[in-house]
Amino acid sequence: MARSPAQVALRLIALLLLLPAAWSATFTMTNNCGYTVWPGLLSGAGTAPLSTTGFALAQGASATVSAPASWSGRMWARTLCAEDAGGKFTCATGDCGSGALQCNGGGAAPPASLVEFTLDGSGGMDFFDVSLVDGYNLPMLVVPQGAAAATAAASSTGGPKCMATGCLVDLNAACPAALKVTSAGAASSAVGGSAMACRSACEAFGSPEYCCSGAYGSPSTCRPSAYSQFFKSACPRAYSYAYDDSTSTFTCAAGTNYAITFCPSTTSGKYTDENPQAAGVPPANGTMVYRGGEQFSTSGGASTAAHASQLLLAAAVAVALLL
């Protein structure tokens, strides 16, 4: 039986409502640092670009960026940025080499703390991690938001690893001297405000055993080093070297939203396996205790609820058309 133009239009509307609601994600970035940061965003090869590739985020401010279905890429915070007299924009850490506020396809120059995402990947899951493989420039926390995250946190069945990850402590002052990046004119052994980043051993020394390359290019031959253990002991859920997958990759159902906090404070919570003292680092913002995903804000729940409403509406329209 031929369908009227109105029925065809309703079917198309149902599809448009259904697909984005099911698989898109929203990233809410919050700057809890005592200074402005400039987030950079890089889409992976073959994935749609985001609406922005870089912007300024003032102290205490938040910004939201939406990602399309099946997006993959990485985000980071640039620090100590300025524009010179000729209009060239550069940053002391995390610079993306574009010479502008927007990164325009440029990645973060190491050292930089990174968060990496693959949305709606294998099995309809999001995959995400915080990586210190390219070094570290500031603390970072990623918290899944909304109904999917709350369900995973409440589950005791050992299901997907839908939970917070990151590095909550300031590693710059305690960074080994051979890896420490300091402000111009400061000695490599300086501590405090002059230390602005901590390099990876791969960047510092370039040898295959640290870079997991050449004869060391497999999980069986590239093992943790004393330098990667510095990062891992302080930030157990973050990637510390290239083959650190088992303890550092996390998954949530596709459609989950994510809160990303730069320099997370005591109100952000803390997971119990974080051990800054093991690396000789005091907690960045005092003592913090985390007892599970439910302790984190679920402010993304409203967005997830809106997505769920769209799904129900789309399903109702589709059923009506079949009757």
Protein backbone atom coordinates (compact mmCIF):
# COMPACT_ATOMS: atom_id res chain seq x y z
CA MET A 1 0.00 0.00 0.00
CA ALA A 2 1.38 3.37 -1.02
CA ARG A 3 2.06 5.76 1.82
CA SER A 4 1.04 9.39 1.77
CA PRO A 5 3.66 12.19 1.81
CA ALA A 6 2.64 12.91 5.40
CA GLN A 7 3.41 9.32 6.46
CA VAL A 8 6.81 9.45 4.73
CA ALA A 9 7.60 12.74 6.46
CA LEU A 10 6.67 11.29 9.86
CA ARG A 11 8.92 8.28 9.25
CA LEU A 12 11.85 10.55 8.40
CA ILE A 13 11.24 12.64 11.52
CA ALA A 14 11.27 9.47 13.62
CA LEU A 15 14.64 8.47 12.20
CA LEU A 16 16.09 11.93 12.74
CA LEU A 17 14.94 11.88 16.35
CA LEU A 18 16.14 8.36 16.99
CA LEU A 19 19.67 8.30 15.65
CA PRO A 20 21.27 11.42 17.18
CA ALA A 21 19.58 10.82 20.52
CA ALA A 22 20.93 7.30 20.71
CA TRP A 23 24.56 7.86 19.87
CA SER A 24 25.69 11.47 20.22
CA ALA A 25 27.54 12.66 23.34
CA THR A 26 28.08 15.91 25.15
CA PHE A 27 31.37 16.89 26.80
CA THR A 28 31.17 19.47 29.56
CA MET A 29 34.58 20.97 30.35
CA THR A 30 35.14 22.83 33.61
CA ASN A 31 38.24 24.79 34.58
CA ASN A 32 38.92 24.49 38.29
CA CYS A 33 42.51 25.71 37.93
CA GLY A 34 43.55 29.03 39.43
CA TYR A 35 44.21 30.41 35.95
CA THR A 36 42.80 30.39 32.42
CA VAL A 37 43.35 27.27 30.31
CA TRP A 38 42.82 26.88 26.57
CA PRO A 39 41.32 23.48 25.71
CA GLY A 40 42.44 21.89 22.47
CA LEU A 41 40.35 19.32 20.58
CA LEU A 42 41.53 16.98 17.83
CA SER A 43 39.29 14.64 15.86
CA GLY A 44 40.65 11.26 14.80
CA ALA A 45 41.26 10.38 11.17
CA GLY A 46 38.04 9.77 9.29
CA THR A 47 35.76 11.20 11.98
CA ALA A 48 33.64 14.32 11.73
CA PRO A 49 35.19 17.49 13.17
CA LEU A 50 33.73 19.11 16.25
CA SER A 51 32.23 22.60 16.28
CA THR A 52 35.45 23.98 17.78
CA THR A 53 39.07 22.89 17.94
CA GLY A 54 40.18 25.33 20.63
CA PHE A 55 38.93 28.05 22.95
CA ALA A 56 39.70 29.94 26.15
CA LEU A 57 38.22 28.68 29.42
CA ALA A 58 38.50 31.14 32.30
CA GLN A 59 38.98 30.11 35.91
CA GLY A 60 35.72 28.63 37.23
CA ALA A 61 34.07 28.58 33.80
CA SER A 62 32.44 25.65 31.98
CA ALA A 63 31.79 25.00 28.31
CA THR A 64 29.88 22.28 26.48
CA VAL A 65 30.89 20.64 23.21
CA SER A 66 28.71 18.10 21.41
CA ALA A 67 30.17 15.21 19.44
CA PRO A 68 28.47 13.36 16.57
CA ALA A 69 27.89 9.64 16.34
CA SER A 70 31.01 7.44 16.29
CA TRP A 71 33.34 10.36 16.96
CA SER A 72 36.88 9.66 18.12
CA GLY A 73 39.60 12.03 19.17
CA ARG A 74 41.38 13.65 22.07
CA MET A 75 41.19 16.74 24.26
CA TRP A 76 43.66 18.54 26.48
CA ALA A 77 44.31 21.86 28.21
CA ARG A 78 46.89 24.33 26.93
CA THR A 79 48.49 26.56 29.56
CA LEU A 80 50.43 29.83 29.69
CA CYS A 81 49.15 31.00 26.31
CA ALA A 82 49.63 34.42 24.75
CA GLU A 83 49.50 36.24 21.44
CA ASP A 84 52.60 38.09 20.29
CA ALA A 85 52.76 41.47 18.58
CA GLY A 86 52.37 39.80 15.21
CA GLY A 87 49.18 38.01 16.25
CA LYS A 88 50.74 34.55 16.64
CA PHE A 89 49.12 32.54 19.43
CA THR A 90 51.36 30.10 21.33
CA CYS A 91 51.21 28.17 24.59
CA ALA A 92 53.99 27.03 26.94
CA THR A 93 52.37 23.58 27.37
CA GLY A 94 50.05 21.64 25.08
CA ASP A 95 50.63 23.98 22.14
CA CYS A 96 49.04 22.65 18.93
CA GLY A 97 51.26 24.53 16.50
CA SER A 98 48.46 26.35 14.67
CA GLY A 99 49.55 29.82 15.78
CA ALA A 100 45.90 30.54 16.56
CA LEU A 101 43.29 29.98 19.24
CA GLN A 102 41.75 27.21 17.16
CA CYS A 103 44.01 24.17 16.77
CA ASN A 104 42.70 23.50 13.24
CA GLY A 105 43.76 19.85 13.14
CA GLY A 106 46.92 20.21 15.20
CA GLY A 107 47.64 17.91 18.15
CA ALA A 108 49.14 18.69 21.54
CA ALA A 109 52.89 19.11 21.71
CA PRO A 110 54.14 16.98 24.59
CA PRO A 111 54.15 17.03 27.50
CA ALA A 112 50.39 17.24 27.97
CA SER A 113 47.73 15.35 29.89
CA LEU A 114 45.26 13.91 27.36
CA VAL A 115 41.76 12.49 27.43
CA GLU A 116 40.94 10.18 24.53
CA PHE A 117 37.52 8.99 23.34
CA THR A 118 36.09 6.54 20.83
CA LEU A 119 32.30 6.86 20.84
CA ASP A 120 29.95 4.06 19.82
CA GLY A 121 32.80 1.66 19.17
CA SER A 122 32.92 -2.13 19.40
CA GLY A 123 29.75 -3.61 20.89
CA GLY A 124 28.02 -0.22 20.95
CA MET A 125 30.32 1.01 23.72
CA ASP A 126 32.23 4.25 24.30
CA PHE A 127 35.92 3.77 25.09
CA PHE A 128 37.84 6.46 26.96
CA ASP A 129 41.03 7.01 28.91
CA VAL A 130 43.27 9.67 30.42
CA SER A 131 46.78 9.30 29.07
CA LEU A 132 50.12 10.45 30.47
CA VAL A 133 52.02 8.56 27.76
CA ASP A 134 52.90 11.94 26.21
CA GLY A 135 53.69 13.43 29.61
CA TYR A 136 51.71 15.59 32.01
CA ASN A 137 50.92 19.27 32.36
CA LEU A 138 47.96 19.45 34.78
CA PRO A 139 45.50 17.29 36.75
CA MET A 140 42.44 16.06 34.87
CA LEU A 141 39.29 14.13 35.78
CA VAL A 142 36.71 12.48 33.49
CA VAL A 143 33.34 11.46 34.97
CA PRO A 144 30.60 9.66 32.99
CA GLN A 145 27.26 11.39 33.44
CA GLY A 146 23.61 10.38 33.43
CA ALA A 147 21.54 7.22 33.61
CA ALA A 148 24.04 4.85 31.96
CA ALA A 149 26.81 5.88 34.33
CA ALA A 150 24.54 5.62 37.38
CA THR A 151 23.37 2.15 36.36
CA ALA A 152 26.94 0.93 35.87
CA ALA A 153 28.06 2.40 39.19
CA ALA A 154 25.21 0.69 41.05
CA SER A 155 25.82 -2.67 39.36
CA SER A 156 27.68 -5.39 41.25
CA THR A 157 27.90 -7.76 38.32
CA GLY A 158 31.35 -6.70 37.19
CA GLY A 159 30.06 -5.28 33.93
CA PRO A 160 31.58 -2.52 31.78
CA LYS A 161 34.12 -0.22 33.40
CA CYS A 162 31.89 2.84 33.28
CA MET A 163 33.58 4.90 35.98
CA ALA A 164 35.64 8.00 36.61
CA THR A 165 39.25 8.14 35.54
CA GLY A 166 42.02 10.68 35.48
CA CYS A 167 44.97 12.02 37.41
CA LEU A 168 43.90 14.17 40.34
CA VAL A 169 47.28 15.23 41.71
CA ASP A 170 49.82 17.88 40.78
CA LEU A 171 52.88 15.97 39.58
CA ASN A 172 54.89 18.93 38.30
CA ALA A 173 56.75 19.77 41.49
CA ALA A 174 57.61 16.12 42.23
CA CYS A 175 58.56 15.32 38.62
CA PRO A 176 62.01 13.66 38.32
CA ALA A 177 64.65 16.23 37.39
CA ALA A 178 65.39 14.51 34.07
CA LEU A 179 61.74 14.87 33.02
CA LYS A 180 60.84 18.25 34.51
CA VAL A 181 59.92 21.20 32.27
CA THR A 182 60.38 24.58 33.91
CA SER A 183 59.59 28.15 32.98
CA ALA A 184 62.23 30.13 31.06
CA GLY A 185 65.38 30.75 33.05
CA ALA A 186 64.53 28.31 35.86
CA ALA A 187 66.90 25.54 36.86
CA SER A 188 65.82 22.00 36.07
CA SER A 189 65.78 21.17 39.76
CA ALA A 190 63.48 24.04 40.65
CA VAL A 191 60.15 23.27 42.30
CA GLY A 192 56.88 25.05 42.86
CA GLY A 193 55.62 27.63 40.40
CA SER A 194 58.59 27.29 38.02
CA ALA A 195 57.72 23.65 37.20
CA MET A 196 55.06 23.69 34.50
CA ALA A 197 55.07 20.16 33.01
CA CYS A 198 56.57 16.68 33.29
CA ARG A 199 57.86 14.88 30.20
CA SER A 200 57.56 11.19 29.43
CA ALA A 201 60.75 9.16 29.37
CA CYS A 202 60.21 8.58 25.65
CA GLU A 203 60.26 12.30 24.93
CA ALA A 204 63.13 12.95 27.32
CA PHE A 205 65.46 10.18 26.15
CA GLY A 206 64.03 8.90 22.85
CA SER A 207 65.20 5.34 23.41
CA PRO A 208 63.16 2.36 22.09
CA GLU A 209 62.67 0.78 25.51
CA TYR A 210 60.90 3.93 26.71
CA CYS A 211 59.06 4.60 23.43
CA CYS A 212 57.88 0.98 22.92
CA SER A 213 59.38 1.00 19.42
CA GLY A 214 61.68 -1.24 17.39
CA ALA A 215 62.59 -4.38 19.31
CA TYR A 216 60.40 -3.11 22.16
CA GLY A 217 57.31 -2.64 20.02
CA SER A 218 55.06 -5.24 21.66
CA PRO A 219 53.42 -5.76 25.06
CA SER A 220 55.77 -8.63 25.82
CA THR A 221 58.95 -6.62 25.23
CA CYS A 222 57.95 -3.11 26.35
CA ARG A 223 57.55 -3.14 30.09
CA PRO A 224 56.91 -0.41 32.69
CA SER A 225 59.98 1.65 33.57
CA ALA A 226 60.89 3.46 36.75
CA TYR A 227 59.76 6.65 35.04
CA SER A 228 56.35 5.29 33.95
CA GLN A 229 55.90 3.90 37.46
CA PHE A 230 56.26 7.45 38.81
CA PHE A 231 53.08 8.36 36.91
CA LYS A 232 51.30 5.07 37.59
CA SER A 233 51.86 5.05 41.34
CA ALA A 234 50.34 8.52 41.64
CA CYS A 235 47.58 8.04 39.05
CA PRO A 236 46.70 4.32 38.83
CA ARG A 237 43.83 4.73 36.38
CA ALA A 238 45.76 6.81 33.84
CA TYR A 239 47.86 5.41 31.01
CA SER A 240 51.52 5.56 31.99
CA TYR A 241 53.09 3.85 28.96
CA ALA A 242 51.90 2.53 25.59
CA TYR A 243 50.75 -0.95 26.70
CA ASP A 244 49.01 0.05 29.91
CA ASP A 245 45.58 -0.93 28.56
CA SER A 246 44.26 -3.34 31.20
CA THR A 247 44.06 -0.80 34.02
CA SER A 248 43.56 2.36 32.00
CA THR A 249 40.80 1.90 29.39
CA PHE A 250 37.20 2.49 30.49
CA THR A 251 33.88 1.83 28.74
CA CYS A 252 30.32 3.13 28.94
CA ALA A 253 27.22 2.51 26.86
CA ALA A 254 27.06 4.69 23.76
CA GLY A 255 25.06 7.85 24.40
CA THR A 256 26.71 8.60 27.75
CA ASN A 257 27.76 12.20 28.39
CA TYR A 258 31.05 13.14 30.05
CA ALA A 259 32.23 15.82 32.48
CA ILE A 260 35.89 16.78 32.08
CA THR A 261 37.45 18.84 34.86
CA PHE A 262 40.85 20.47 34.69
CA CYS A 263 42.48 20.74 38.16
CA PRO A 264 39.69 18.87 39.97
CA SER A 265 39.02 20.02 43.53
CA THR A 266 37.93 18.22 46.69
CA THR A 267 34.32 18.56 45.58
CA SER A 268 35.06 16.44 42.51
CA GLY A 269 35.67 13.36 44.66
CA LYS A 270 38.49 10.86 44.54
CA TYR A 271 38.74 7.16 43.87
CA THR A 272 40.41 5.12 46.56
CA ASP A 273 43.19 3.68 44.38
CA GLU A 274 44.74 7.10 43.80
CA ASN A 275 47.97 7.19 45.79
CA PRO A 276 49.88 10.46 45.40
CA GLN A 277 52.03 9.71 48.42
CA ALA A 278 53.55 6.74 46.57
CA ALA A 279 55.17 9.21 44.19
CA GLY A 280 56.08 11.64 46.95
CA VAL A 281 53.27 14.00 45.94
CA PRO A 282 50.83 15.63 48.38
CA PRO A 283 47.17 15.57 47.29
CA ALA A 284 46.54 18.57 45.03
CA ASN A 285 43.58 19.85 47.02
CA GLY A 286 43.67 18.12 50.38
CA THR A 287 42.31 14.70 51.28
CA MET A 288 39.63 13.38 48.94
CA VAL A 289 37.71 10.12 49.19
CA TYR A 290 35.73 8.43 46.43
CA ARG A 291 33.44 5.47 47.16
CA GLY A 292 31.92 4.86 43.77
CA GLY A 293 30.48 6.49 40.67
CA GLU A 294 27.36 7.53 42.56
CA GLN A 295 29.41 10.03 44.57
CA PHE A 296 29.95 12.19 41.49
CA SER A 297 27.51 14.74 40.15
CA THR A 298 25.05 13.39 37.64
CA SER A 299 24.14 16.77 36.23
CA GLY A 300 24.26 15.18 32.78
CA GLY A 301 21.15 13.21 33.72
CA ALA A 302 18.87 15.92 32.38
CA SER A 303 20.51 15.65 28.99
CA THR A 304 20.24 11.86 29.08
CA ALA A 305 16.58 12.11 30.08
CA ALA A 306 15.96 14.41 27.11
CA HIS A 307 17.61 11.85 24.83
CA ALA A 308 15.42 9.12 26.32
CA SER A 309 12.31 11.22 25.67
CA GLN A 310 13.35 11.64 22.06
CA LEU A 311 13.79 7.88 21.74
CA LEU A 312 10.32 7.22 23.14
CA LEU A 313 8.76 9.81 20.84
CA ALA A 314 10.51 8.36 17.81
CA ALA A 315 9.44 4.84 18.75
CA ALA A 316 5.81 5.97 19.21
CA VAL A 317 5.77 7.63 15.80
CA ALA A 318 7.28 4.56 14.17
CA VAL A 319 4.71 2.24 15.77
CA ALA A 320 1.86 4.52 14.76
CA LEU A 321 3.00 4.36 11.15
CA LEU A 322 2.91 0.57 11.20
CA LEU A 323 -0.66 0.39 12.49
